[in-house]
Amino acid sequence: GDMDVQVIEEHGEDEIAMRGRVFNQMTRQLKSQRQALVDSHQTTERRRRLFDSVLSSVTSGVMGLEPEGEVAFVNRSAARLLHLDEHKSHDRPLGAVVPEFAALFDKLRDGIGEVAQEEIKLTRGGRLESLLVRMSIRRNADRRPEGYVVAFDDVTELVSAQRMAAWG
């Protein structure tokens, strides 16, 4: 594992001299590649921590889905609003984790638009709640689809206030 090791290079063109030069070149390349990999991993880890801290502090529920619709990420607000265990939801289809979202997801996946939005009513903890759910296609730098983002807010109190105002 010590990539700083270098052998003494003999002068000449015989097999031993050539092997010494090739060995030293190989260890320099391995050291350079290993350092690039370590740097890339550190950058990715910093970005992941930033991503997690930002999404953890957002009051809206946010879920990330893989291209086939499996849950890849659930922020704290989503787990709280949907009464989910953040870790047990991963790698399961959205329809199995939140059945109420399945129809909207199918609509987005089968439709021609980039975004689908709807108010969805669901019961959690014995309470009927209204969520404003927005789903969109997540694209990579080449604009190819690489998954989906589901964002939602609890609008139960807003809907209730609107009803009260209408009755008033």
Protein backbone atom coordinates (compact mmCIF):
# COMPACT_ATOMS: atom_id res chain seq x y z
CA GLY A 1 0.00 0.00 0.00
CA ASP A 2 3.00 2.36 0.16
CA MET A 3 2.96 4.13 -3.19
CA ASP A 4 6.07 6.17 -2.36
CA VAL A 5 8.33 3.14 -2.81
CA GLN A 6 10.67 3.44 -5.77
CA VAL A 7 13.29 0.97 -6.90
CA ILE A 8 16.74 2.00 -8.00
CA GLU A 9 16.66 2.31 -11.76
CA GLU A 10 19.53 0.73 -13.61
CA HIS A 11 20.87 2.39 -16.74
CA GLY A 12 20.56 0.53 -19.98
CA GLU A 13 17.94 -1.25 -22.00
CA ASP A 14 18.08 -4.71 -20.46
CA GLU A 15 15.07 -6.39 -18.83
CA ILE A 16 15.99 -5.44 -15.23
CA ALA A 17 16.46 -1.74 -16.08
CA MET A 18 13.19 -1.66 -18.01
CA ARG A 19 11.26 -3.39 -15.19
CA GLY A 20 12.62 -0.88 -12.68
CA ARG A 21 11.47 2.07 -14.80
CA VAL A 22 8.04 0.50 -15.41
CA PHE A 23 7.60 -0.33 -11.71
CA ASN A 24 8.42 3.23 -10.66
CA GLN A 25 6.10 4.65 -13.32
CA MET A 26 3.33 2.28 -12.18
CA THR A 27 3.65 3.27 -8.50
CA ARG A 28 3.55 6.99 -9.43
CA GLN A 29 0.39 6.43 -11.51
CA LEU A 30 -1.26 4.38 -8.77
CA LYS A 31 -0.45 7.07 -6.20
CA SER A 32 -1.88 9.78 -8.44
CA GLN A 33 -5.04 7.78 -9.21
CA ARG A 34 -5.55 6.88 -5.57
CA GLN A 35 -5.23 10.54 -4.53
CA ALA A 36 -7.73 11.59 -7.23
CA LEU A 37 -10.15 8.94 -5.97
CA VAL A 38 -9.75 10.06 -2.34
CA ASP A 39 -10.28 13.71 -3.35
CA SER A 40 -13.38 12.81 -5.37
CA HIS A 41 -14.79 10.81 -2.46
CA GLN A 42 -14.22 13.71 -0.05
CA THR A 43 -15.94 16.14 -2.43
CA THR A 44 -18.89 13.78 -2.85
CA GLU A 45 -19.15 13.30 0.90
CA ARG A 46 -19.10 17.08 1.53
CA ARG A 47 -21.86 17.56 -1.06
CA ARG A 48 -23.92 14.74 0.46
CA ARG A 49 -23.64 16.27 3.94
CA LEU A 50 -24.66 19.68 2.58
CA PHE A 51 -27.58 18.13 0.69
CA ASP A 52 -28.72 16.25 3.80
CA SER A 53 -28.44 19.30 6.07
CA VAL A 54 -30.35 21.54 3.64
CA LEU A 55 -33.16 19.04 3.07
CA SER A 56 -33.34 18.17 6.75
CA SER A 57 -34.12 21.77 7.63
CA VAL A 58 -36.79 22.28 4.95
CA THR A 59 -40.35 22.18 6.30
CA SER A 60 -41.74 20.65 3.11
CA GLY A 61 -41.67 16.90 2.70
CA VAL A 62 -39.16 15.83 0.05
CA MET A 63 -38.59 12.37 -1.38
CA GLY A 64 -36.15 11.30 -4.05
CA LEU A 65 -37.05 8.39 -6.32
CA GLU A 66 -34.94 6.15 -8.53
CA PRO A 67 -35.89 5.87 -12.24
CA GLU A 68 -38.12 2.84 -11.56
CA GLY A 69 -39.91 4.60 -8.70
CA GLU A 70 -38.13 3.16 -5.65
CA VAL A 71 -37.65 5.54 -2.74
CA ALA A 72 -34.01 6.64 -2.48
CA PHE A 73 -34.32 9.55 -0.05
CA VAL A 74 -36.83 10.78 2.55
CA ASN A 75 -36.20 14.00 4.46
CA ARG A 76 -37.26 14.44 8.09
CA SER A 77 -40.33 16.50 7.22
CA ALA A 78 -41.58 13.83 4.80
CA ALA A 79 -41.08 11.14 7.42
CA ARG A 80 -42.95 13.23 10.00
CA LEU A 81 -45.84 14.21 7.68
CA LEU A 82 -46.33 10.66 6.39
CA HIS A 83 -45.51 8.85 9.67
CA LEU A 84 -42.68 6.93 7.99
CA ASP A 85 -39.45 5.44 9.21
CA GLU A 86 -36.86 7.23 7.01
CA HIS A 87 -34.62 4.17 6.79
CA LYS A 88 -37.26 1.48 6.25
CA SER A 89 -38.71 3.35 3.27
CA HIS A 90 -35.58 3.10 1.14
CA ASP A 91 -35.43 0.81 -1.90
CA ARG A 92 -39.18 0.21 -1.83
CA PRO A 93 -41.61 1.34 -4.55
CA LEU A 94 -43.37 4.65 -3.86
CA GLY A 95 -46.74 2.90 -4.15
CA ALA A 96 -45.79 0.55 -1.30
CA VAL A 97 -44.48 3.37 0.92
CA VAL A 98 -47.23 5.93 0.21
CA PRO A 99 -50.07 4.24 -1.72
CA GLU A 100 -51.95 7.54 -1.99
CA PHE A 101 -49.15 8.97 -4.19
CA ALA A 102 -49.15 6.05 -6.67
CA ALA A 103 -51.79 7.41 -9.07
CA LEU A 104 -50.08 10.80 -9.36
CA PHE A 105 -46.72 9.11 -9.92
CA ASP A 106 -48.21 6.93 -12.68
CA LYS A 107 -49.69 10.05 -14.24
CA LEU A 108 -46.28 11.75 -14.28
CA ARG A 109 -44.43 8.70 -15.54
CA ASP A 110 -46.95 8.00 -18.32
CA GLY A 111 -47.68 11.62 -19.23
CA ILE A 112 -45.95 14.09 -21.49
CA GLY A 113 -45.25 16.75 -18.89
CA GLU A 114 -42.28 17.31 -16.63
CA VAL A 115 -44.41 18.00 -13.54
CA ALA A 116 -47.58 16.62 -11.97
CA GLN A 117 -49.35 18.34 -9.09
CA GLU A 118 -52.42 17.47 -7.09
CA GLU A 119 -54.03 17.83 -3.69
CA ILE A 120 -54.08 14.39 -2.09
CA LYS A 121 -56.07 13.45 0.97
CA LEU A 122 -54.74 10.77 3.26
CA THR A 123 -55.31 9.49 6.76
CA ARG A 124 -52.39 9.26 9.16
CA GLY A 125 -52.63 8.75 12.89
CA GLY A 126 -56.43 8.73 12.70
CA ARG A 127 -56.49 12.22 11.16
CA LEU A 128 -57.54 13.19 7.62
CA GLU A 129 -54.88 15.40 6.09
CA SER A 130 -54.62 17.28 2.82
CA LEU A 131 -51.24 17.41 1.13
CA LEU A 132 -50.35 19.51 -1.89
CA VAL A 133 -48.07 17.13 -3.78
CA ARG A 134 -45.79 18.11 -6.66
CA MET A 135 -43.78 15.50 -8.56
CA SER A 136 -41.18 16.26 -11.18
CA ILE A 137 -38.65 14.43 -13.32
CA ARG A 138 -35.04 14.77 -12.13
CA ARG A 139 -32.60 15.12 -15.01
CA ASN A 140 -28.82 14.83 -15.18
CA ALA A 141 -26.42 17.31 -16.80
CA ASP A 142 -27.17 15.78 -20.22
CA ARG A 143 -30.91 16.34 -19.63
CA ARG A 144 -31.60 12.60 -19.48
CA PRO A 145 -34.09 11.42 -16.81
CA GLU A 146 -32.39 9.92 -13.77
CA GLY A 147 -35.22 9.78 -11.27
CA TYR A 148 -38.00 11.82 -9.70
CA VAL A 149 -38.49 14.36 -6.93
CA VAL A 150 -41.62 14.41 -4.80
CA ALA A 151 -42.26 17.54 -2.73
CA PHE A 152 -45.32 18.14 -0.60
CA ASP A 153 -46.78 20.41 2.06
CA ASP A 154 -49.53 19.88 4.59
CA VAL A 155 -52.37 22.21 3.54
CA THR A 156 -54.97 20.75 5.93
CA GLU A 157 -55.35 23.96 7.94
CA LEU A 158 -55.50 26.09 4.78
CA VAL A 159 -58.26 23.91 3.31
CA SER A 160 -60.13 24.04 6.62
CA ALA A 161 -59.83 27.85 6.75
CA GLN A 162 -61.11 28.12 3.19
CA ARG A 163 -64.13 25.98 4.08
CA MET A 164 -64.83 28.10 7.16
CA ALA A 165 -64.60 31.28 5.07
CA ALA A 166 -66.96 29.81 2.45
CA TRP A 167 -69.50 28.82 5.13
CA GLY A 168 -69.14 32.22 6.75
